[in-house]
Amino acid sequence: MKYQEFVARVRERGEYDNAAEAQQVISVVVTCLAERLEPAEARQLGAQLPAELGDVLGSADGGGRRFGVTEFLKKVSDGTGATERTAEWDASAVLSTIADAVSGGELNDVLTQLPSGYAPLFGRPGVSG
């Protein structure tokens, strides 16, 4: 998937007014995800995504930090300036697009590193991390 297609899908899912708004949300959510994943897993995930996202995932500082969904959504909220409820919507728009863009095996590897509660954000409500 090319970056512009990724942005278009997030924009549609998140019902954003324009591509710039979708790109800002994508940047914040991917950065927060990169902080949460182990560096090697972040690089593996990034290898299956457009280069622009792979660069963010591959260069994340502090990868592998342990925090649950509530703190993840707070970080997204802080980054976008939105409410935490809107942050859940934003995160889901981006993470479910990531889930659609990568292999099932890679998605399982990512979800395995995350505590329960993240799977619904990836559009996989029946899967536990």
N, C-alpha and C. Protein backbone atom coordinates (compact mmCIF):
# COMPACT_ATOMS: atom_id res chain seq x y z
N MET A 1 0.85 -1.17 0.00
CA MET A 1 0.00 0.00 0.00
C MET A 1 0.90 1.24 0.00
N LYS A 2 0.58 2.18 -0.83
CA LYS A 2 1.31 3.44 -0.89
C LYS A 2 0.81 4.39 0.20
N TYR A 3 1.67 5.34 0.57
CA TYR A 3 1.35 6.24 1.66
C TYR A 3 0.06 7.02 1.40
N GLN A 4 -0.11 7.55 0.22
CA GLN A 4 -1.31 8.34 -0.07
C GLN A 4 -2.59 7.50 0.03
N GLU A 5 -2.49 6.22 -0.34
CA GLU A 5 -3.64 5.33 -0.19
C GLU A 5 -3.92 5.09 1.29
N PHE A 6 -2.87 4.91 2.07
CA PHE A 6 -3.02 4.73 3.52
C PHE A 6 -3.71 5.95 4.12
N VAL A 7 -3.24 7.14 3.76
CA VAL A 7 -3.84 8.38 4.26
C VAL A 7 -5.30 8.47 3.86
N ALA A 8 -5.61 8.12 2.62
CA ALA A 8 -6.99 8.18 2.14
C ALA A 8 -7.90 7.24 2.93
N ARG A 9 -7.40 6.05 3.24
CA ARG A 9 -8.21 5.10 4.02
C ARG A 9 -8.44 5.60 5.44
N VAL A 10 -7.40 6.14 6.06
CA VAL A 10 -7.55 6.69 7.41
C VAL A 10 -8.51 7.87 7.38
N ARG A 11 -8.37 8.71 6.38
CA ARG A 11 -9.25 9.88 6.27
C ARG A 11 -10.71 9.44 6.16
N GLU A 12 -10.95 8.41 5.37
CA GLU A 12 -12.32 7.91 5.22
C GLU A 12 -12.83 7.30 6.52
N ARG A 13 -12.02 6.45 7.14
CA ARG A 13 -12.44 5.79 8.39
C ARG A 13 -12.65 6.79 9.51
N GLY A 14 -11.76 7.76 9.60
CA GLY A 14 -11.84 8.74 10.68
C GLY A 14 -12.75 9.91 10.38
N GLU A 15 -13.25 9.96 9.15
CA GLU A 15 -14.14 11.04 8.71
C GLU A 15 -13.48 12.41 8.91
N TYR A 16 -12.20 12.51 8.52
CA TYR A 16 -11.47 13.76 8.66
C TYR A 16 -11.78 14.68 7.49
N ASP A 17 -11.68 15.97 7.72
CA ASP A 17 -12.02 16.97 6.71
C ASP A 17 -11.06 16.97 5.53
N ASN A 18 -9.78 16.66 5.80
CA ASN A 18 -8.80 16.70 4.72
C ASN A 18 -7.64 15.76 5.02
N ALA A 19 -6.77 15.60 4.02
CA ALA A 19 -5.64 14.69 4.17
C ALA A 19 -4.66 15.17 5.24
N ALA A 20 -4.51 16.48 5.38
CA ALA A 20 -3.58 17.01 6.38
C ALA A 20 -4.01 16.61 7.79
N GLU A 21 -5.31 16.66 8.06
CA GLU A 21 -5.81 16.26 9.38
C GLU A 21 -5.55 14.77 9.61
N ALA A 22 -5.81 13.96 8.59
CA ALA A 22 -5.55 12.52 8.70
C ALA A 22 -4.07 12.25 8.92
N GLN A 23 -3.21 12.97 8.22
CA GLN A 23 -1.76 12.76 8.37
C GLN A 23 -1.28 13.12 9.77
N GLN A 24 -1.85 14.16 10.35
CA GLN A 24 -1.46 14.54 11.70
C GLN A 24 -1.84 13.45 12.69
N VAL A 25 -3.04 12.90 12.55
CA VAL A 25 -3.50 11.82 13.42
C VAL A 25 -2.63 10.58 13.21
N ILE A 26 -2.32 10.25 11.96
CA ILE A 26 -1.47 9.10 11.66
C ILE A 26 -0.13 9.25 12.36
N SER A 27 0.48 10.42 12.25
CA SER A 27 1.78 10.66 12.85
C SER A 27 1.76 10.43 14.36
N VAL A 28 0.76 10.97 15.03
CA VAL A 28 0.66 10.83 16.48
C VAL A 28 0.44 9.37 16.88
N VAL A 29 -0.51 8.70 16.23
CA VAL A 29 -0.84 7.32 16.61
C VAL A 29 0.34 6.39 16.33
N VAL A 30 0.99 6.52 15.19
CA VAL A 30 2.12 5.65 14.87
C VAL A 30 3.29 5.91 15.82
N THR A 31 3.51 7.15 16.18
CA THR A 31 4.57 7.45 17.14
C THR A 31 4.28 6.81 18.50
N CYS A 32 3.04 6.90 18.95
CA CYS A 32 2.65 6.28 20.23
C CYS A 32 2.79 4.76 20.16
N LEU A 33 2.40 4.18 19.04
CA LEU A 33 2.54 2.73 18.88
C LEU A 33 4.02 2.33 18.89
N ALA A 34 4.85 3.11 18.23
CA ALA A 34 6.28 2.82 18.19
C ALA A 34 6.89 2.85 19.59
N GLU A 35 6.41 3.75 20.45
CA GLU A 35 6.90 3.80 21.83
C GLU A 35 6.54 2.54 22.59
N ARG A 36 5.44 1.92 22.22
CA ARG A 36 4.92 0.77 22.96
C ARG A 36 5.54 -0.55 22.53
N LEU A 37 5.91 -0.66 21.25
CA LEU A 37 6.46 -1.91 20.72
C LEU A 37 7.96 -2.01 20.98
N GLU A 38 8.44 -3.24 21.08
CA GLU A 38 9.88 -3.48 21.13
C GLU A 38 10.46 -2.99 19.81
N PRO A 39 11.68 -2.43 19.81
CA PRO A 39 12.26 -1.88 18.58
C PRO A 39 12.28 -2.85 17.40
N ALA A 40 12.63 -4.10 17.64
CA ALA A 40 12.68 -5.07 16.54
C ALA A 40 11.30 -5.29 15.94
N GLU A 41 10.28 -5.36 16.78
CA GLU A 41 8.92 -5.55 16.29
C GLU A 41 8.44 -4.31 15.55
N ALA A 42 8.79 -3.13 16.06
CA ALA A 42 8.42 -1.89 15.38
C ALA A 42 9.02 -1.86 13.97
N ARG A 43 10.28 -2.28 13.85
CA ARG A 43 10.93 -2.31 12.52
C ARG A 43 10.25 -3.33 11.61
N GLN A 44 9.90 -4.50 12.15
CA GLN A 44 9.23 -5.52 11.33
C GLN A 44 7.87 -5.03 10.85
N LEU A 45 7.13 -4.37 11.72
CA LEU A 45 5.84 -3.80 11.33
C LEU A 45 6.06 -2.73 10.27
N GLY A 46 7.03 -1.86 10.50
CA GLY A 46 7.31 -0.79 9.56
C GLY A 46 7.70 -1.28 8.18
N ALA A 47 8.33 -2.45 8.12
CA ALA A 47 8.75 -3.00 6.83
C ALA A 47 7.55 -3.36 5.95
N GLN A 48 6.38 -3.56 6.55
CA GLN A 48 5.18 -3.92 5.78
C GLN A 48 4.28 -2.72 5.50
N LEU A 49 4.70 -1.56 5.94
CA LEU A 49 3.90 -0.35 5.77
C LEU A 49 4.61 0.62 4.83
N PRO A 50 3.91 1.65 4.36
CA PRO A 50 4.58 2.66 3.53
C PRO A 50 5.84 3.19 4.22
N ALA A 51 6.84 3.55 3.42
CA ALA A 51 8.14 3.98 3.95
C ALA A 51 8.01 5.10 4.97
N GLU A 52 7.09 6.03 4.75
CA GLU A 52 6.92 7.15 5.68
C GLU A 52 6.57 6.67 7.08
N LEU A 53 5.77 5.60 7.17
CA LEU A 53 5.41 5.04 8.48
C LEU A 53 6.52 4.15 9.01
N GLY A 54 7.16 3.42 8.12
CA GLY A 54 8.28 2.58 8.51
C GLY A 54 9.40 3.39 9.14
N ASP A 55 9.63 4.61 8.60
CA ASP A 55 10.67 5.48 9.16
C ASP A 55 10.35 5.86 10.60
N VAL A 56 9.08 6.19 10.86
CA VAL A 56 8.66 6.55 12.22
C VAL A 56 8.82 5.35 13.15
N LEU A 57 8.36 4.19 12.70
CA LEU A 57 8.44 2.99 13.54
C LEU A 57 9.88 2.57 13.78
N GLY A 58 10.72 2.71 12.78
CA GLY A 58 12.11 2.27 12.89
C GLY A 58 12.99 3.19 13.71
N SER A 59 12.58 4.44 13.88
CA SER A 59 13.42 5.39 14.58
C SER A 59 12.87 5.80 15.94
N ALA A 60 11.89 5.07 16.42
CA ALA A 60 11.25 5.43 17.70
C ALA A 60 12.23 5.32 18.85
N ASP A 61 12.16 6.30 19.71
CA ASP A 61 12.98 6.32 20.92
C ASP A 61 12.15 5.75 22.06
N GLY A 62 12.74 4.93 22.87
CA GLY A 62 12.03 4.43 24.04
C GLY A 62 11.08 3.30 23.72
N GLY A 63 11.33 2.57 22.64
CA GLY A 63 10.47 1.46 22.27
C GLY A 63 10.38 0.43 23.37
N GLY A 64 9.25 -0.26 23.41
CA GLY A 64 9.05 -1.31 24.38
C GLY A 64 8.58 -0.84 25.74
N ARG A 65 8.20 0.43 25.83
CA ARG A 65 7.69 0.92 27.11
C ARG A 65 6.37 0.23 27.41
N ARG A 66 6.15 -0.07 28.65
CA ARG A 66 4.95 -0.79 29.06
C ARG A 66 3.86 0.17 29.49
N PHE A 67 2.80 0.27 28.72
CA PHE A 67 1.63 1.03 29.14
C PHE A 67 0.41 0.44 28.46
N GLY A 68 -0.70 0.53 29.16
CA GLY A 68 -1.95 -0.05 28.69
C GLY A 68 -2.69 0.87 27.74
N VAL A 69 -3.87 0.44 27.38
CA VAL A 69 -4.69 1.18 26.41
C VAL A 69 -5.04 2.57 26.92
N THR A 70 -5.38 2.69 28.19
CA THR A 70 -5.78 3.99 28.73
C THR A 70 -4.66 5.01 28.57
N GLU A 71 -3.43 4.64 28.92
CA GLU A 71 -2.31 5.57 28.76
C GLU A 71 -2.01 5.82 27.28
N PHE A 72 -2.13 4.77 26.46
CA PHE A 72 -1.93 4.93 25.01
C PHE A 72 -2.89 6.00 24.47
N LEU A 73 -4.17 5.88 24.83
CA LEU A 73 -5.16 6.84 24.34
C LEU A 73 -4.91 8.23 24.91
N LYS A 74 -4.40 8.31 26.13
CA LYS A 74 -4.05 9.62 26.71
C LYS A 74 -2.92 10.25 25.92
N LYS A 75 -1.93 9.45 25.52
CA LYS A 75 -0.83 9.96 24.72
C LYS A 75 -1.34 10.46 23.36
N VAL A 76 -2.25 9.71 22.76
CA VAL A 76 -2.83 10.13 21.48
C VAL A 76 -3.60 11.43 21.68
N SER A 77 -4.39 11.49 22.74
CA SER A 77 -5.16 12.70 23.06
C SER A 77 -4.25 13.90 23.25
N ASP A 78 -3.18 13.72 24.00
CA ASP A 78 -2.23 14.80 24.23
C ASP A 78 -1.59 15.26 22.91
N GLY A 79 -1.30 14.30 22.04
CA GLY A 79 -0.64 14.61 20.77
C GLY A 79 -1.53 15.30 19.76
N THR A 80 -2.82 14.99 19.80
CA THR A 80 -3.73 15.58 18.83
C THR A 80 -4.51 16.76 19.38
N GLY A 81 -4.53 16.88 20.70
CA GLY A 81 -5.32 17.94 21.33
C GLY A 81 -6.80 17.60 21.39
N ALA A 82 -7.14 16.35 21.17
CA ALA A 82 -8.54 15.90 21.18
C ALA A 82 -8.90 15.34 22.55
N THR A 83 -10.18 15.09 22.75
CA THR A 83 -10.62 14.42 23.97
C THR A 83 -10.16 12.96 23.92
N GLU A 84 -10.16 12.30 25.06
CA GLU A 84 -9.75 10.89 25.06
C GLU A 84 -10.73 10.03 24.27
N ARG A 85 -11.99 10.38 24.26
CA ARG A 85 -12.98 9.63 23.46
C ARG A 85 -12.67 9.78 21.97
N THR A 86 -12.34 10.99 21.55
CA THR A 86 -11.96 11.22 20.15
C THR A 86 -10.65 10.51 19.85
N ALA A 87 -9.74 10.46 20.81
CA ALA A 87 -8.47 9.77 20.62
C ALA A 87 -8.70 8.29 20.34
N GLU A 88 -9.70 7.69 20.96
CA GLU A 88 -10.02 6.29 20.69
C GLU A 88 -10.46 6.13 19.24
N TRP A 89 -11.28 7.06 18.76
CA TRP A 89 -11.72 7.06 17.37
C TRP A 89 -10.52 7.22 16.44
N ASP A 90 -9.64 8.16 16.75
CA ASP A 90 -8.45 8.41 15.94
C ASP A 90 -7.54 7.19 15.89
N ALA A 91 -7.28 6.62 17.06
CA ALA A 91 -6.41 5.45 17.14
C ALA A 91 -6.98 4.30 16.34
N SER A 92 -8.27 4.09 16.45
CA SER A 92 -8.91 3.00 15.73
C SER A 92 -8.84 3.21 14.21
N ALA A 93 -9.02 4.45 13.76
CA ALA A 93 -8.95 4.73 12.32
C ALA A 93 -7.57 4.36 11.78
N VAL A 94 -6.53 4.69 12.52
CA VAL A 94 -5.16 4.41 12.08
C VAL A 94 -4.80 2.94 12.26
N LEU A 95 -5.05 2.40 13.45
CA LEU A 95 -4.63 1.03 13.74
C LEU A 95 -5.39 -0.01 12.93
N SER A 96 -6.67 0.23 12.66
CA SER A 96 -7.40 -0.73 11.83
C SER A 96 -6.91 -0.68 10.38
N THR A 97 -6.44 0.48 9.94
CA THR A 97 -5.86 0.58 8.60
C THR A 97 -4.52 -0.15 8.58
N ILE A 98 -3.73 -0.02 9.63
CA ILE A 98 -2.49 -0.79 9.74
C ILE A 98 -2.80 -2.28 9.67
N ALA A 99 -3.82 -2.72 10.42
CA ALA A 99 -4.18 -4.14 10.44
C ALA A 99 -4.52 -4.65 9.05
N ASP A 100 -5.18 -3.83 8.27
CA ASP A 100 -5.55 -4.22 6.90
C ASP A 100 -4.35 -4.24 5.96
N ALA A 101 -3.30 -3.48 6.30
CA ALA A 101 -2.15 -3.31 5.40
C ALA A 101 -1.05 -4.34 5.62
N VAL A 102 -1.06 -5.04 6.74
CA VAL A 102 0.02 -5.99 7.05
C VAL A 102 -0.49 -7.42 7.04
N SER A 103 0.44 -8.35 7.01
CA SER A 103 0.06 -9.77 7.02
C SER A 103 -0.56 -10.15 8.35
N GLY A 104 -1.34 -11.22 8.33
CA GLY A 104 -1.96 -11.71 9.55
C GLY A 104 -0.93 -12.11 10.59
N GLY A 105 0.17 -12.69 10.14
CA GLY A 105 1.24 -13.09 11.05
C GLY A 105 1.87 -11.90 11.75
N GLU A 106 2.10 -10.84 10.98
CA GLU A 106 2.69 -9.64 11.58
C GLU A 106 1.72 -9.00 12.57
N LEU A 107 0.46 -8.94 12.21
CA LEU A 107 -0.52 -8.38 13.12
C LEU A 107 -0.57 -9.19 14.42
N ASN A 108 -0.53 -10.51 14.31
CA ASN A 108 -0.50 -11.35 15.51
C ASN A 108 0.73 -11.07 16.36
N ASP A 109 1.89 -10.87 15.71
CA ASP A 109 3.12 -10.56 16.45
C ASP A 109 2.96 -9.25 17.22
N VAL A 110 2.36 -8.26 16.58
CA VAL A 110 2.14 -6.96 17.24
C VAL A 110 1.19 -7.13 18.42
N LEU A 111 0.06 -7.79 18.19
CA LEU A 111 -0.93 -7.95 19.25
C LEU A 111 -0.39 -8.77 20.42
N THR A 112 0.52 -9.69 20.15
CA THR A 112 1.12 -10.49 21.21
C THR A 112 1.93 -9.62 22.16
N GLN A 113 2.52 -8.55 21.64
CA GLN A 113 3.32 -7.65 22.49
C GLN A 113 2.47 -6.69 23.31
N LEU A 114 1.22 -6.57 22.95
CA LEU A 114 0.36 -5.58 23.60
C LEU A 114 -0.60 -6.25 24.59
N PRO A 115 -0.90 -5.59 25.70
CA PRO A 115 -1.85 -6.17 26.65
C PRO A 115 -3.27 -6.17 26.07
N SER A 116 -4.13 -6.92 26.72
CA SER A 116 -5.51 -6.97 26.25
C SER A 116 -6.09 -5.57 26.22
N GLY A 117 -6.99 -5.35 25.32
CA GLY A 117 -7.60 -4.04 25.18
C GLY A 117 -7.18 -3.31 23.92
N TYR A 118 -6.02 -3.67 23.38
CA TYR A 118 -5.56 -3.03 22.15
C TYR A 118 -6.24 -3.61 20.91
N ALA A 119 -6.57 -4.90 20.93
CA ALA A 119 -7.10 -5.57 19.74
C ALA A 119 -8.31 -4.86 19.12
N PRO A 120 -9.27 -4.38 19.91
CA PRO A 120 -10.40 -3.68 19.29
C PRO A 120 -9.98 -2.43 18.51
N LEU A 121 -8.91 -1.78 18.93
CA LEU A 121 -8.43 -0.60 18.21
C LEU A 121 -7.91 -0.98 16.82
N PHE A 122 -7.45 -2.22 16.70
CA PHE A 122 -6.97 -2.74 15.42
C PHE A 122 -8.12 -3.35 14.60
N GLY A 123 -9.34 -3.24 15.12
CA GLY A 123 -10.49 -3.81 14.43
C GLY A 123 -10.61 -5.31 14.62
N ARG A 124 -9.98 -5.83 15.69
CA ARG A 124 -9.99 -7.25 15.99
C ARG A 124 -10.52 -7.48 17.40
N PRO A 125 -11.82 -7.21 17.64
CA PRO A 125 -12.34 -7.26 19.01
C PRO A 125 -12.26 -8.62 19.69
N GLY A 126 -12.23 -9.70 18.93
CA GLY A 126 -12.22 -11.02 19.54
C GLY A 126 -10.85 -11.55 19.84
N VAL A 127 -9.81 -10.77 19.57
CA VAL A 127 -8.42 -11.21 19.75
C VAL A 127 -7.86 -10.57 21.00
N SER A 128 -7.17 -11.35 21.79
CA SER A 128 -6.53 -10.77 22.97
C SER A 128 -5.04 -10.77 22.76
N GLY A 129 -4.39 -9.74 23.33
CA GLY A 129 -2.94 -9.58 23.17
C GLY A 129 -2.20 -10.39 24.17
